[in-house]
Amino acid sequence: MNEISKCPKCGGEYVYFDGSLYVCPDCAYEFSEESAASAAADDVPRDSNGAELFDGDAVTVIKDLKVKGSSMVIKRGTKVKSIRLTENPEEVDCKIDGSGIVLKTCFLKKQ
């Protein structure tokens, strides 16, 4: 049996096999061995619809987001131009109202 060392969703280390699926007790994510292998191989940044993101793309925010450490709120529908990819495929770096902000790709939609 091939051991799955980490959860593909949260990175938790205590994954166990439940008979038909692997289960992560940290985030309650259930996955098969095939989906874990494909998720590990796919380190491409994607938006909420699954479209691949590249440096310089323009995106739209799909949900109101509170900015940590600030009273600023990024409203749904805000257009962000010229994003920059980071080392983490789930995050992009951008500027909104002159402030450098890192946004999660799950809250973005490619234009």
PDB file of N, CA and C in Angstrom:
ATOM      1  N   MET A   1       0.841  -1.179   0.000  1.00  0.00           N
ATOM      2  CA  MET A   1       0.000   0.000   0.000  1.00  0.00           C
ATOM      3  C   MET A   1       0.883   1.238   0.000  1.00  0.00           C
ATOM      4  N   ASN A   2       0.549   2.182  -0.827  1.00  0.00           N
ATOM      5  CA  ASN A   2       1.298   3.424  -0.953  1.00  0.00           C
ATOM      6  C   ASN A   2       0.866   4.391   0.146  1.00  0.00           C
ATOM      7  N   GLU A   3       1.799   4.851   0.968  1.00  0.00           N
ATOM      8  CA  GLU A   3       1.488   5.760   2.066  1.00  0.00           C
ATOM      9  C   GLU A   3       1.314   7.184   1.559  1.00  0.00           C
ATOM     10  N   ILE A   4       0.248   7.838   1.961  1.00  0.00           N
ATOM     11  CA  ILE A   4       0.029   9.253   1.697  1.00  0.00           C
ATOM     12  C   ILE A   4       0.521   9.989   2.927  1.00  0.00           C
ATOM     13  N   SER A   5       1.526  10.851   2.749  1.00  0.00           N
ATOM     14  CA  SER A   5       2.146  11.470   3.911  1.00  0.00           C
ATOM     15  C   SER A   5       1.428  12.718   4.389  1.00  0.00           C
ATOM     16  N   LYS A   6       0.823  13.487   3.487  1.00  0.00           N
ATOM     17  CA  LYS A   6       0.185  14.744   3.881  1.00  0.00           C
ATOM     18  C   LYS A   6      -1.142  14.938   3.158  1.00  0.00           C
ATOM     19  N   CYS A   7      -2.017  15.687   3.793  1.00  0.00           N
ATOM     20  CA  CYS A   7      -3.311  16.039   3.202  1.00  0.00           C
ATOM     21  C   CYS A   7      -3.081  17.038   2.068  1.00  0.00           C
ATOM     22  N   PRO A   8      -3.663  16.815   0.883  1.00  0.00           N
ATOM     23  CA  PRO A   8      -3.462  17.761  -0.219  1.00  0.00           C
ATOM     24  C   PRO A   8      -4.179  19.093  -0.007  1.00  0.00           C
ATOM     25  N   LYS A   9      -5.151  19.151   0.904  1.00  0.00           N
ATOM     26  CA  LYS A   9      -5.893  20.385   1.130  1.00  0.00           C
ATOM     27  C   LYS A   9      -5.227  21.272   2.186  1.00  0.00           C
ATOM     28  N   CYS A  10      -4.912  20.704   3.362  1.00  0.00           N
ATOM     29  CA  CYS A  10      -4.377  21.536   4.445  1.00  0.00           C
ATOM     30  C   CYS A  10      -2.926  21.218   4.787  1.00  0.00           C
ATOM     31  N   GLY A  11      -2.386  20.127   4.261  1.00  0.00           N
ATOM     32  CA  GLY A  11      -1.010  19.766   4.558  1.00  0.00           C
ATOM     33  C   GLY A  11      -0.857  19.010   5.865  1.00  0.00           C
ATOM     34  N   GLY A  12      -1.963  18.580   6.451  1.00  0.00           N
ATOM     35  CA  GLY A  12      -1.930  17.844   7.720  1.00  0.00           C
ATOM     36  C   GLY A  12      -1.184  16.526   7.576  1.00  0.00           C
ATOM     37  N   GLU A  13      -0.501  16.133   8.636  1.00  0.00           N
ATOM     38  CA  GLU A  13       0.348  14.942   8.586  1.00  0.00           C
ATOM     39  C   GLU A  13      -0.330  13.672   9.076  1.00  0.00           C
ATOM     40  N   TYR A  14      -1.490  13.769   9.703  1.00  0.00           N
ATOM     41  CA  TYR A  14      -2.113  12.609  10.341  1.00  0.00           C
ATOM     42  C   TYR A  14      -3.220  12.002   9.492  1.00  0.00           C
ATOM     43  N   VAL A  15      -2.944  11.780   8.227  1.00  0.00           N
ATOM     44  CA  VAL A  15      -3.903  11.204   7.295  1.00  0.00           C
ATOM     45  C   VAL A  15      -3.978   9.700   7.527  1.00  0.00           C
ATOM     46  N   TYR A  16      -5.205   9.153   7.503  1.00  0.00           N
ATOM     47  CA  TYR A  16      -5.376   7.716   7.660  1.00  0.00           C
ATOM     48  C   TYR A  16      -6.309   7.171   6.590  1.00  0.00           C
ATOM     49  N   PHE A  17      -6.234   5.852   6.356  1.00  0.00           N
ATOM     50  CA  PHE A  17      -7.054   5.191   5.339  1.00  0.00           C
ATOM     51  C   PHE A  17      -8.293   4.632   6.016  1.00  0.00           C
ATOM     52  N   ASP A  18      -9.471   4.940   5.479  1.00  0.00           N
ATOM     53  CA  ASP A  18     -10.751   4.575   6.096  1.00  0.00           C
ATOM     54  C   ASP A  18     -11.401   3.368   5.416  1.00  0.00           C
ATOM     55  N   GLY A  19     -10.678   2.649   4.624  1.00  0.00           N
ATOM     56  CA  GLY A  19     -11.229   1.503   3.916  1.00  0.00           C
ATOM     57  C   GLY A  19     -11.451   1.784   2.444  1.00  0.00           C
ATOM     58  N   SER A  20     -12.007   2.950   2.126  1.00  0.00           N
ATOM     59  CA  SER A  20     -12.208   3.308   0.727  1.00  0.00           C
ATOM     60  C   SER A  20     -11.573   4.651   0.382  1.00  0.00           C
ATOM     61  N   LEU A  21     -11.433   5.533   1.355  1.00  0.00           N
ATOM     62  CA  LEU A  21     -10.858   6.850   1.132  1.00  0.00           C
ATOM     63  C   LEU A  21      -9.835   7.178   2.208  1.00  0.00           C
ATOM     64  N   TYR A  22      -8.955   8.123   1.873  1.00  0.00           N
ATOM     65  CA  TYR A  22      -8.055   8.668   2.870  1.00  0.00           C
ATOM     66  C   TYR A  22      -8.766   9.841   3.546  1.00  0.00           C
ATOM     67  N   VAL A  23      -8.568  10.005   4.855  1.00  0.00           N
ATOM     68  CA  VAL A  23      -9.249  11.039   5.618  1.00  0.00           C
ATOM     69  C   VAL A  23      -8.218  11.843   6.399  1.00  0.00           C
ATOM     70  N   CYS A  24      -8.376  13.153   6.385  1.00  0.00           N
ATOM     71  CA  CYS A  24      -7.538  14.042   7.180  1.00  0.00           C
ATOM     72  C   CYS A  24      -8.338  14.452   8.413  1.00  0.00           C
ATOM     73  N   PRO A  25      -7.909  14.096   9.625  1.00  0.00           N
ATOM     74  CA  PRO A  25      -8.669  14.468  10.821  1.00  0.00           C
ATOM     75  C   PRO A  25      -8.596  15.960  11.144  1.00  0.00           C
ATOM     76  N   ASP A  26      -7.609  16.666  10.592  1.00  0.00           N
ATOM     77  CA  ASP A  26      -7.471  18.097  10.866  1.00  0.00           C
ATOM     78  C   ASP A  26      -8.536  18.925  10.165  1.00  0.00           C
ATOM     79  N   CYS A  27      -8.804  18.634   8.883  1.00  0.00           N
ATOM     80  CA  CYS A  27      -9.763  19.444   8.122  1.00  0.00           C
ATOM     81  C   CYS A  27     -10.966  18.629   7.624  1.00  0.00           C
ATOM     82  N   ALA A  28     -11.023  17.330   7.961  1.00  0.00           N
ATOM     83  CA  ALA A  28     -12.111  16.430   7.572  1.00  0.00           C
ATOM     84  C   ALA A  28     -12.214  16.247   6.063  1.00  0.00           C
ATOM     85  N   TYR A  29     -11.113  16.438   5.340  1.00  0.00           N
ATOM     86  CA  TYR A  29     -11.093  16.267   3.889  1.00  0.00           C
ATOM     87  C   TYR A  29     -10.920  14.792   3.561  1.00  0.00           C
ATOM     88  N   GLU A  30     -11.766  14.271   2.658  1.00  0.00           N
ATOM     89  CA  GLU A  30     -11.669  12.884   2.215  1.00  0.00           C
ATOM     90  C   GLU A  30     -11.226  12.865   0.764  1.00  0.00           C
ATOM     91  N   PHE A  31     -10.284  11.982   0.439  1.00  0.00           N
ATOM     92  CA  PHE A  31      -9.757  11.940  -0.917  1.00  0.00           C
ATOM     93  C   PHE A  31      -9.274  10.547  -1.235  1.00  0.00           C
ATOM     94  N   SER A  32      -9.211  10.246  -2.541  1.00  0.00           N
ATOM     95  CA  SER A  32      -8.685   8.963  -2.991  1.00  0.00           C
ATOM     96  C   SER A  32      -7.205   9.119  -3.305  1.00  0.00           C
ATOM     97  N   GLU A  33      -6.534   8.012  -3.499  1.00  0.00           N
ATOM     98  CA  GLU A  33      -5.099   8.046  -3.794  1.00  0.00           C
ATOM     99  C   GLU A  33      -4.826   8.737  -5.129  1.00  0.00           C
ATOM    100  N   GLU A  34      -5.722   8.524  -6.114  1.00  0.00           N
ATOM    101  CA  GLU A  34      -5.539   9.135  -7.423  1.00  0.00           C
ATOM    102  C   GLU A  34      -5.686  10.654  -7.360  1.00  0.00           C
ATOM    103  N   SER A  35      -6.670  11.129  -6.606  1.00  0.00           N
ATOM    104  CA  SER A  35      -6.872  12.581  -6.516  1.00  0.00           C
ATOM    105  C   SER A  35      -5.733  13.248  -5.753  1.00  0.00           C
ATOM    106  N   ALA A  36      -5.163  12.542  -4.788  1.00  0.00           N
ATOM    107  CA  ALA A  36      -4.025  13.105  -4.045  1.00  0.00           C
ATOM    108  C   ALA A  36      -2.805  13.222  -4.950  1.00  0.00           C
ATOM    109  N   ALA A  37      -2.597  12.234  -5.810  1.00  0.00           N
ATOM    110  CA  ALA A  37      -1.452  12.279  -6.724  1.00  0.00           C
ATOM    111  C   ALA A  37      -1.617  13.391  -7.748  1.00  0.00           C
ATOM    112  N   SER A  38      -2.836  13.576  -8.250  1.00  0.00           N
ATOM    113  CA  SER A  38      -3.043  14.638  -9.233  1.00  0.00           C
ATOM    114  C   SER A  38      -2.972  16.012  -8.587  1.00  0.00           C
ATOM    115  N   ALA A  39      -3.429  16.156  -7.348  1.00  0.00           N
ATOM    116  CA  ALA A  39      -3.356  17.443  -6.651  1.00  0.00           C
ATOM    117  C   ALA A  39      -1.913  17.802  -6.335  1.00  0.00           C
ATOM    118  N   ALA A  40      -1.102  16.818  -6.006  1.00  0.00           N
ATOM    119  CA  ALA A  40       0.303  17.079  -5.713  1.00  0.00           C
ATOM    120  C   ALA A  40       1.055  17.487  -6.978  1.00  0.00           C
ATOM    121  N   ALA A  41       0.664  16.936  -8.112  1.00  0.00           N
ATOM    122  CA  ALA A  41       1.344  17.256  -9.363  1.00  0.00           C
ATOM    123  C   ALA A  41       0.891  18.596  -9.943  1.00  0.00           C
ATOM    124  N   ASP A  42      -0.263  19.079  -9.516  1.00  0.00           N
ATOM    125  CA  ASP A  42      -0.826  20.309 -10.071  1.00  0.00           C
ATOM    126  C   ASP A  42      -0.500  21.497  -9.177  1.00  0.00           C
ATOM    127  N   ASP A  43       0.644  22.128  -9.396  1.00  0.00           N
ATOM    128  CA  ASP A  43       1.039  23.312  -8.644  1.00  0.00           C
ATOM    129  C   ASP A  43       0.846  24.567  -9.481  1.00  0.00           C
ATOM    130  N   VAL A  44      -0.189  24.556 -10.317  1.00  0.00           N
ATOM    131  CA  VAL A  44      -0.482  25.684 -11.189  1.00  0.00           C
ATOM    132  C   VAL A  44      -1.521  26.553 -10.494  1.00  0.00           C
ATOM    133  N   PRO A  45      -1.281  27.863 -10.388  1.00  0.00           N
ATOM    134  CA  PRO A  45      -2.287  28.729  -9.763  1.00  0.00           C
ATOM    135  C   PRO A  45      -3.544  28.816 -10.617  1.00  0.00           C
ATOM    136  N   ARG A  46      -4.696  28.609  -9.989  1.00  0.00           N
ATOM    137  CA  ARG A  46      -5.976  28.643 -10.693  1.00  0.00           C
ATOM    138  C   ARG A  46      -6.962  29.522  -9.933  1.00  0.00           C
ATOM    139  N   ASP A  47      -7.861  30.176 -10.680  1.00  0.00           N
ATOM    140  CA  ASP A  47      -8.875  31.010 -10.045  1.00  0.00           C
ATOM    141  C   ASP A  47     -10.022  30.144  -9.535  1.00  0.00           C
ATOM    142  N   SER A  48     -11.086  30.771  -9.058  1.00  0.00           N
ATOM    143  CA  SER A  48     -12.212  30.030  -8.480  1.00  0.00           C
ATOM    144  C   SER A  48     -12.929  29.152  -9.509  1.00  0.00           C
ATOM    145  N   ASN A  49     -12.811  29.466 -10.787  1.00  0.00           N
ATOM    146  CA  ASN A  49     -13.447  28.674 -11.840  1.00  0.00           C
ATOM    147  C   ASN A  49     -12.509  27.640 -12.458  1.00  0.00           C
ATOM    148  N   GLY A  50     -11.259  27.602 -12.018  1.00  0.00           N
ATOM    149  CA  GLY A  50     -10.302  26.632 -12.543  1.00  0.00           C
ATOM    150  C   GLY A  50      -9.451  27.140 -13.683  1.00  0.00           C
ATOM    151  N   ALA A  51      -9.589  28.401 -14.055  1.00  0.00           N
ATOM    152  CA  ALA A  51      -8.772  28.963 -15.136  1.00  0.00           C
ATOM    153  C   ALA A  51      -7.357  29.226 -14.620  1.00  0.00           C
ATOM    154  N   GLU A  52      -6.373  28.904 -15.431  1.00  0.00           N
ATOM    155  CA  GLU A  52      -4.973  29.081 -15.037  1.00  0.00           C
ATOM    156  C   GLU A  52      -4.622  30.571 -14.998  1.00  0.00           C
ATOM    157  N   LEU A  53      -3.907  30.984 -13.954  1.00  0.00           N
ATOM    158  CA  LEU A  53      -3.498  32.377 -13.798  1.00  0.00           C
ATOM    159  C   LEU A  53      -2.036  32.546 -14.170  1.00  0.00           C
ATOM    160  N   PHE A  54      -1.712  33.702 -14.765  1.00  0.00           N
ATOM    161  CA  PHE A  54      -0.345  34.024 -15.156  1.00  0.00           C
ATOM    162  C   PHE A  54       0.008  35.405 -14.614  1.00  0.00           C
ATOM    163  N   ASP A  55       1.310  35.715 -14.562  1.00  0.00           N
ATOM    164  CA  ASP A  55       1.761  37.052 -14.182  1.00  0.00           C
ATOM    165  C   ASP A  55       1.154  38.077 -15.132  1.00  0.00           C
ATOM    166  N   GLY A  56       0.643  39.176 -14.576  1.00  0.00           N
ATOM    167  CA  GLY A  56       0.101  40.250 -15.388  1.00  0.00           C
ATOM    168  C   GLY A  56      -1.371  40.114 -15.727  1.00  0.00           C
ATOM    169  N   ASP A  57      -2.008  39.023 -15.327  1.00  0.00           N
ATOM    170  CA  ASP A  57      -3.439  38.854 -15.600  1.00  0.00           C
ATOM    171  C   ASP A  57      -4.268  39.876 -14.827  1.00  0.00           C
ATOM    172  N   ALA A  58      -5.456  40.139 -15.322  1.00  0.00           N
ATOM    173  CA  ALA A  58      -6.435  40.973 -14.619  1.00  0.00           C
ATOM    174  C   ALA A  58      -7.496  40.037 -14.039  1.00  0.00           C
ATOM    175  N   VAL A  59      -7.880  40.288 -12.786  1.00  0.00           N
ATOM    176  CA  VAL A  59      -8.847  39.439 -12.100  1.00  0.00           C
ATOM    177  C   VAL A  59      -9.897  40.311 -11.415  1.00  0.00           C
ATOM    178  N   THR A  60     -11.005  39.674 -11.027  1.00  0.00           N
ATOM    179  CA  THR A  60     -12.071  40.324 -10.293  1.00  0.00           C
ATOM    180  C   THR A  60     -12.279  39.585  -8.983  1.00  0.00           C
ATOM    181  N   VAL A  61     -12.492  40.320  -7.896  1.00  0.00           N
ATOM    182  CA  VAL A  61     -12.756  39.723  -6.584  1.00  0.00           C
ATOM    183  C   VAL A  61     -14.211  39.273  -6.556  1.00  0.00           C
ATOM    184  N   ILE A  62     -14.480  38.037  -6.104  1.00  0.00           N
ATOM    185  CA  ILE A  62     -15.835  37.492  -6.151  1.00  0.00           C
ATOM    186  C   ILE A  62     -16.552  37.551  -4.804  1.00  0.00           C
ATOM    187  N   LYS A  63     -15.883  38.047  -3.753  1.00  0.00           N
ATOM    188  CA  LYS A  63     -16.483  38.080  -2.425  1.00  0.00           C
ATOM    189  C   LYS A  63     -15.906  39.263  -1.660  1.00  0.00           C
ATOM    190  N   ASP A  64     -16.708  39.912  -0.808  1.00  0.00           N
ATOM    191  CA  ASP A  64     -16.192  40.978   0.045  1.00  0.00           C
ATOM    192  C   ASP A  64     -15.138  40.392   0.980  1.00  0.00           C
ATOM    193  N   LEU A  65     -13.969  41.011   1.025  1.00  0.00           N
ATOM    194  CA  LEU A  65     -12.862  40.510   1.833  1.00  0.00           C
ATOM    195  C   LEU A  65     -12.405  41.566   2.824  1.00  0.00           C
ATOM    196  N   LYS A  66     -12.306  41.195   4.105  1.00  0.00           N
ATOM    197  CA  LYS A  66     -11.752  42.086   5.113  1.00  0.00           C
ATOM    198  C   LYS A  66     -10.243  41.940   5.079  1.00  0.00           C
ATOM    199  N   VAL A  67      -9.533  43.048   5.164  1.00  0.00           N
ATOM    200  CA  VAL A  67      -8.074  43.031   5.148  1.00  0.00           C
ATOM    201  C   VAL A  67      -7.592  42.967   6.590  1.00  0.00           C
ATOM    202  N   LYS A  68      -6.797  41.943   6.911  1.00  0.00           N
ATOM    203  CA  LYS A  68      -6.289  41.788   8.272  1.00  0.00           C
ATOM    204  C   LYS A  68      -5.404  42.966   8.651  1.00  0.00           C
ATOM    205  N   GLY A  69      -5.562  43.444   9.879  1.00  0.00           N
ATOM    206  CA  GLY A  69      -4.737  44.532  10.365  1.00  0.00           C
ATOM    207  C   GLY A  69      -5.136  45.895   9.846  1.00  0.00           C
ATOM    208  N   SER A  70      -6.305  45.976   9.253  1.00  0.00           N
ATOM    209  CA  SER A  70      -6.760  47.231   8.675  1.00  0.00           C
ATOM    210  C   SER A  70      -8.282  47.277   8.735  1.00  0.00           C
ATOM    211  N   SER A  71      -8.852  48.464   8.613  1.00  0.00           N
ATOM    212  CA  SER A  71     -10.306  48.586   8.548  1.00  0.00           C
ATOM    213  C   SER A  71     -10.795  48.529   7.106  1.00  0.00           C
ATOM    214  N   MET A  72      -9.879  48.302   6.188  1.00  0.00           N
ATOM    215  CA  MET A  72     -10.192  48.276   4.763  1.00  0.00           C
ATOM    216  C   MET A  72     -10.959  47.005   4.387  1.00  0.00           C
ATOM    217  N   VAL A  73     -11.940  47.149   3.498  1.00  0.00           N
ATOM    218  CA  VAL A  73     -12.688  46.014   2.963  1.00  0.00           C
ATOM    219  C   VAL A  73     -12.587  46.076   1.443  1.00  0.00           C
ATOM    220  N   ILE A  74     -12.213  44.954   0.839  1.00  0.00           N
ATOM    221  CA  ILE A  74     -12.166  44.862  -0.619  1.00  0.00           C
ATOM    222  C   ILE A  74     -13.530  44.348  -1.067  1.00  0.00           C
ATOM    223  N   LYS A  75     -14.252  45.159  -1.789  1.00  0.00           N
ATOM    224  CA  LYS A  75     -15.623  44.840  -2.188  1.00  0.00           C
ATOM    225  C   LYS A  75     -15.668  43.851  -3.345  1.00  0.00           C
ATOM    226  N   ARG A  76     -16.752  43.089  -3.376  1.00  0.00           N
ATOM    227  CA  ARG A  76     -16.983  42.155  -4.465  1.00  0.00           C
ATOM    228  C   ARG A  76     -17.085  42.946  -5.766  1.00  0.00           C
ATOM    229  N   GLY A  77     -16.444  42.462  -6.814  1.00  0.00           N
ATOM    230  CA  GLY A  77     -16.469  43.131  -8.101  1.00  0.00           C
ATOM    231  C   GLY A  77     -15.280  44.038  -8.335  1.00  0.00           C
ATOM    232  N   THR A  78     -14.410  44.191  -7.322  1.00  0.00           N
ATOM    233  CA  THR A  78     -13.215  45.013  -7.491  1.00  0.00           C
ATOM    234  C   THR A  78     -12.317  44.383  -8.544  1.00  0.00           C
ATOM    235  N   LYS A  79     -11.892  45.191  -9.512  1.00  0.00           N
ATOM    236  CA  LYS A  79     -11.021  44.692 -10.575  1.00  0.00           C
ATOM    237  C   LYS A  79      -9.570  44.957 -10.199  1.00  0.00           C
ATOM    238  N   VAL A  80      -8.753  43.941 -10.328  1.00  0.00           N
ATOM    239  CA  VAL A  80      -7.332  44.029  -9.991  1.00  0.00           C
ATOM    240  C   VAL A  80      -6.545  43.753 -11.261  1.00  0.00           C
ATOM    241  N   LYS A  81      -5.684  44.682 -11.631  1.00  0.00           N
ATOM    242  CA  LYS A  81      -4.876  44.525 -12.841  1.00  0.00           C
ATOM    243  C   LYS A  81      -3.468  44.104 -12.460  1.00  0.00           C
ATOM    244  N   SER A  82      -2.829  43.409 -13.338  1.00  0.00           N
ATOM    245  CA  SER A  82      -1.414  43.072 -13.235  1.00  0.00           C
ATOM    246  C   SER A  82      -1.060  42.355 -11.937  1.00  0.00           C
ATOM    247  N   ILE A  83      -1.608  41.162 -11.762  1.00  0.00           N
ATOM    248  CA  ILE A  83      -1.262  40.363 -10.585  1.00  0.00           C
ATOM    249  C   ILE A  83       0.127  39.762 -10.760  1.00  0.00           C
ATOM    250  N   ARG A  84       0.743  39.396  -9.651  1.00  0.00           N
ATOM    251  CA  ARG A  84       2.032  38.719  -9.657  1.00  0.00           C
ATOM    252  C   ARG A  84       1.885  37.405  -8.901  1.00  0.00           C
ATOM    253  N   LEU A  85       2.360  36.318  -9.483  1.00  0.00           N
ATOM    254  CA  LEU A  85       2.285  35.015  -8.835  1.00  0.00           C
ATOM    255  C   LEU A  85       3.327  34.924  -7.728  1.00  0.00           C
ATOM    256  N   THR A  86       3.021  34.154  -6.694  1.00  0.00           N
ATOM    257  CA  THR A  86       3.945  33.930  -5.584  1.00  0.00           C
ATOM    258  C   THR A  86       4.414  32.483  -5.625  1.00  0.00           C
ATOM    259  N   GLU A  87       5.243  32.098  -4.671  1.00  0.00           N
ATOM    260  CA  GLU A  87       5.714  30.714  -4.596  1.00  0.00           C
ATOM    261  C   GLU A  87       4.571  29.772  -4.248  1.00  0.00           C
ATOM    262  N   ASN A  88       3.591  30.272  -3.500  1.00  0.00           N
ATOM    263  CA  ASN A  88       2.425  29.480  -3.135  1.00  0.00           C
ATOM    264  C   ASN A  88       1.396  29.575  -4.257  1.00  0.00           C
ATOM    265  N   PRO A  89       0.984  28.456  -4.868  1.00  0.00           N
ATOM    266  CA  PRO A  89       0.036  28.521  -5.978  1.00  0.00           C
ATOM    267  C   PRO A  89      -1.369  28.956  -5.559  1.00  0.00           C
ATOM    268  N   GLU A  90      -1.641  29.059  -4.265  1.00  0.00           N
ATOM    269  CA  GLU A  90      -2.954  29.489  -3.790  1.00  0.00           C
ATOM    270  C   GLU A  90      -3.013  30.987  -3.508  1.00  0.00           C
ATOM    271  N   GLU A  91      -1.921  31.726  -3.747  1.00  0.00           N
ATOM    272  CA  GLU A  91      -1.881  33.147  -3.444  1.00  0.00           C
ATOM    273  C   GLU A  91      -1.300  33.942  -4.602  1.00  0.00           C
ATOM    274  N   VAL A  92      -1.789  35.185  -4.772  1.00  0.00           N
ATOM    275  CA  VAL A  92      -1.231  36.115  -5.745  1.00  0.00           C
ATOM    276  C   VAL A  92      -0.978  37.449  -5.045  1.00  0.00           C
ATOM    277  N   ASP A  93       0.013  38.164  -5.522  1.00  0.00           N
ATOM    278  CA  ASP A  93       0.368  39.466  -4.989  1.00  0.00           C
ATOM    279  C   ASP A  93      -0.174  40.532  -5.936  1.00  0.00           C
ATOM    280  N   CYS A  94      -0.738  41.605  -5.384  1.00  0.00           N
ATOM    281  CA  CYS A  94      -1.302  42.661  -6.229  1.00  0.00           C
ATOM    282  C   CYS A  94      -1.327  43.976  -5.460  1.00  0.00           C
ATOM    283  N   LYS A  95      -1.731  45.025  -6.155  1.00  0.00           N
ATOM    284  CA  LYS A  95      -1.902  46.339  -5.529  1.00  0.00           C
ATOM    285  C   LYS A  95      -3.350  46.767  -5.680  1.00  0.00           C
ATOM    286  N   ILE A  96      -3.948  47.152  -4.549  1.00  0.00           N
ATOM    287  CA  ILE A  96      -5.308  47.677  -4.539  1.00  0.00           C
ATOM    288  C   ILE A  96      -5.267  48.999  -3.789  1.00  0.00           C
ATOM    289  N   ASP A  97      -5.680  50.067  -4.449  1.00  0.00           N
ATOM    290  CA  ASP A  97      -5.650  51.415  -3.879  1.00  0.00           C
ATOM    291  C   ASP A  97      -4.260  51.789  -3.373  1.00  0.00           C
ATOM    292  N   GLY A  98      -3.221  51.367  -4.076  1.00  0.00           N
ATOM    293  CA  GLY A  98      -1.845  51.701  -3.721  1.00  0.00           C
ATOM    294  C   GLY A  98      -1.245  50.846  -2.636  1.00  0.00           C
ATOM    295  N   SER A  99      -2.001  49.909  -2.061  1.00  0.00           N
ATOM    296  CA  SER A  99      -1.497  49.027  -1.009  1.00  0.00           C
ATOM    297  C   SER A  99      -1.162  47.663  -1.595  1.00  0.00           C
ATOM    298  N   GLY A 100       0.007  47.135  -1.268  1.00  0.00           N
ATOM    299  CA  GLY A 100       0.382  45.792  -1.696  1.00  0.00           C
ATOM    300  C   GLY A 100      -0.350  44.765  -0.860  1.00  0.00           C
ATOM    301  N   ILE A 101      -1.093  43.878  -1.497  1.00  0.00           N
ATOM    302  CA  ILE A 101      -1.925  42.898  -0.798  1.00  0.00           C
ATOM    303  C   ILE A 101      -1.732  41.530  -1.440  1.00  0.00           C
ATOM    304  N   VAL A 102      -1.771  40.489  -0.613  1.00  0.00           N
ATOM    305  CA  VAL A 102      -1.738  39.110  -1.094  1.00  0.00           C
ATOM    306  C   VAL A 102      -3.154  38.565  -0.983  1.00  0.00           C
ATOM    307  N   LEU A 103      -3.681  38.053  -2.105  1.00  0.00           N
ATOM    308  CA  LEU A 103      -5.038  37.510  -2.142  1.00  0.00           C
ATOM    309  C   LEU A 103      -5.012  36.018  -2.432  1.00  0.00           C
ATOM    310  N   LYS A 104      -5.969  35.291  -1.867  1.00  0.00           N
ATOM    311  CA  LYS A 104      -6.122  33.870  -2.163  1.00  0.00           C
ATOM    312  C   LYS A 104      -6.798  33.726  -3.524  1.00  0.00           C
ATOM    313  N   THR A 105      -6.329  32.779  -4.312  1.00  0.00           N
ATOM    314  CA  THR A 105      -6.868  32.580  -5.653  1.00  0.00           C
ATOM    315  C   THR A 105      -8.312  32.084  -5.643  1.00  0.00           C
ATOM    316  N   CYS A 106      -8.777  31.475  -4.548  1.00  0.00           N
ATOM    317  CA  CYS A 106     -10.140  30.980  -4.489  1.00  0.00           C
ATOM    318  C   CYS A 106     -11.176  32.111  -4.443  1.00  0.00           C
ATOM    319  N   PHE A 107     -10.740  33.358  -4.193  1.00  0.00           N
ATOM    320  CA  PHE A 107     -11.641  34.506  -4.161  1.00  0.00           C
ATOM    321  C   PHE A 107     -11.514  35.358  -5.415  1.00  0.00           C
ATOM    322  N   LEU A 108     -10.852  34.839  -6.459  1.00  0.00           N
ATOM    323  CA  LEU A 108     -10.609  35.610  -7.674  1.00  0.00           C
ATOM    324  C   LEU A 108     -11.232  34.926  -8.888  1.00  0.00           C
ATOM    325  N   LYS A 109     -11.606  35.753  -9.865  1.00  0.00           N
ATOM    326  CA  LYS A 109     -12.116  35.241 -11.136  1.00  0.00           C
ATOM    327  C   LYS A 109     -11.351  35.953 -12.244  1.00  0.00           C
ATOM    328  N   LYS A 110     -10.773  35.200 -13.159  1.00  0.00           N
ATOM    329  CA  LYS A 110     -10.010  35.778 -14.264  1.00  0.00           C
ATOM    330  C   LYS A 110     -10.949  36.494 -15.222  1.00  0.00           C
ATOM    331  N   GLN A 111     -10.517  37.657 -15.707  1.00  0.00           N
ATOM    332  CA  GLN A 111     -11.342  38.436 -16.636  1.00  0.00           C
ATOM    333  C   GLN A 111     -11.114  37.996 -18.053  1.00  0.00           C
TER     334      GLN A 111
END
